[in-house]
Amino acid sequence: DTWVFDPRVRRWSRRATPAAPSPRANARLRADGEGRLVLEGGYVYTSSTVYLAAQYRAAPGRWVYDPAADRWSGPGLEPANDRAYREGPFRPEDFLQGPRPDRAATDRRLKALPANTWVALNPPHRPHLNRGWGKVALDPRDDLVLLWGGGHSAHGGTDVAHYHLATNRWEQTVPVSFPLGQLFTSHRYPEGYTFNGRPWITTHSYNAYGYAARPGTMVFGGRVFHDYVYDPVAADWVGRFDKARAMQDKRPYFDVVMEAAGDDLYAWSRTGGLFVLNPRGDGWIRVLSPQAGMPRVLVDQSGMLYDDRRDRLVFVTQTAWRKPFDGVLYLYDRSAPGPAKVETLIPANAKAAGVTAFFGRMLYDPLSDLYWMNASLPVRDPDGRLRHIAFDPRENLWVSVAVGGANIFGKRSTPDINVINHAVDLVFDRKRGLIWAADGNGAVHVLRPDRAAMDIRPLGQVGRP
C-alpha cells in the first residue's frame, strides 16, 4: 500500500492506487527531481523448507510513482493494498487439507495399542524446518501438546505449534514470522515483540517454558528481563511480566528449566534457585535459594520432573559439558515439614548411569512408577527391542527398560555415549494412561506402559545392559 505524509497538517493518508509494486521490505525510495518518486530493490519472502535455506531473497526492480496522478508504473505491478504471506506449510490453511479429523478412529487406535511398544502415529501434516533443541508442554485442560522450539540453526518463527491428542493432528494457528536478517545465528535473536505482538524465539528454547494449569497459560522464561505468556485457547501470545531479579541471567534460555507440578509451574534457575509461578500467572515466588542445596543448571543437560506419588520434585544435572552423567538425583519434598530444602540421593549404581551425557528431558510415569529419560542405550537387545534409560524410585536404582517399536531418538551424541535426540521430549497423558513423544520435526510416537510386562534391568548389572 502507498501512504503520503502531508507536513502542513502532519497527517498520513493511504492512497487508492489501482496497482503497486509487490509487497517487499527494505526497498529504497527517492525523489527523481521532477515531482515523482522512484522505488528500487528490496527483498521478499521465500517459502523454502530446506534446512538453513534463506527465508528472504533479493527482489530487484524499479518503479515510479506519480503523486499527482496517484499511479505507479513499472514491471510486474500487483493489486494495491495486497498482503504477502509465506506459502505452503508456513500458512495455517496448509494444516486443514484433506479429510476432517476422526476423533472416534483415533480413540480406537489408541485403545488398541500394544504394551511397552513405541507406535508411530504419523499425523498427516507436520510443522516444518526443524523445531528442535527445545521441549514440549502438555496442556491437559485443552488436550494439547504445545511445541515452542527452534532458534539458532532451526525454525526461528514466533508461532507455537499445537498437537491435538484426540485427533492426531498438528495445527498452526498463525502465519509464520521470521526475524529480519537474523536467522540461523547464535545469541543474536532480537528481544521484544514482532510487529504482530509476538516474542521472538531465543537461540533455542531448551527447557525454558512450561504449562501452568493455574491460570491455564504457557510461560516462556528465556529472556533476560521478561517472561512471556501464551494462551492456548486464544492460540496466541497475550503479554509478558517482569522477571524476578534473582532469575535474571545473560543467557536465561540456557539456564532455566520449567516443569509443571499439579496446578503449579516451577522454574529452576541457575542464578536464583527454585521458583513457583504465583496464582495470577504474572510473577515468581522463590521456594529454594542456591544456598539450600539446589544444584547448578547446565544448558540442556539438566532436567526436572514432578513425582506426584511422593509429592517431590526431582532434579538431575551434569557436572560439566558432555561429560558422563554422575547418576546423582536431587530431591525437593514439597510436603516435608520445616524449611524447604534439597536432599541428595546417590543410588547404589550411580556410576552405571555414566553411559549417558544428556538428561535434558525426563518425565514421571505413575503407572509404571518410573522416571523416564530422553535417552536409550546405543545397542538393542537381541530381539530388536530398544532399551530406554530410566530410574526406579522403588528400588532407588538406575535401570534400562526394554521397549519395542520405533527408535524415537536415533541420534548418537558421541561414538561411545548413549543415543539421544535433542528434539524429542516425553509427556505423560493421565487421561489415557499413555506416554507421548514428540520431536521438532513433528514426528509423534505413543507408548502404553505396563510395568507387569516390562523387562527392567539395573544398569551396570553383570551380564546385562
Foldseek 3Di string as FASTA:
>chain_A
DDWDADVVVGDIDDFQEQWDADDFPPWDWDDPPPQKIKTFKGKDAEQDQDFQDDGIDIDTWIWMAHVVVRYIDTPDIDGPPDDDAYDALLAQVNQVDDDDFDLVVLVVVLVPDDAQAKDWPCAPDWHGFFFFLAAWEAQQVQQWIWRRGAAQRTDWWQAIWIQHNRRRGIGTDHGTDHDDPCGNHAQDQDAAADPVRTGTAHNIQQQQKYAAVQVQWIWGDFDQFWIWIGHVVVRGTDGIATADPQQGDSGNSQFWHWEDDVNWIWIAGQRFGIWIQDNNRHYTDDQDGVVQPGDGRGGLQKEWEADNVQRKIKIAGDPDQQFFGQQKIKIWRPPDDDRTHIDIARAPPSNLSSLARGQNAWYAQVQQRKIWGQWWAADADPVRWTWTWIAHPVRRFIKTKTGHYDDPFPDDPDPRHTGGHRFWYWDANPVSQKIWIAGRRGTIIIHRHDNVPIDIGGRPDPPDD
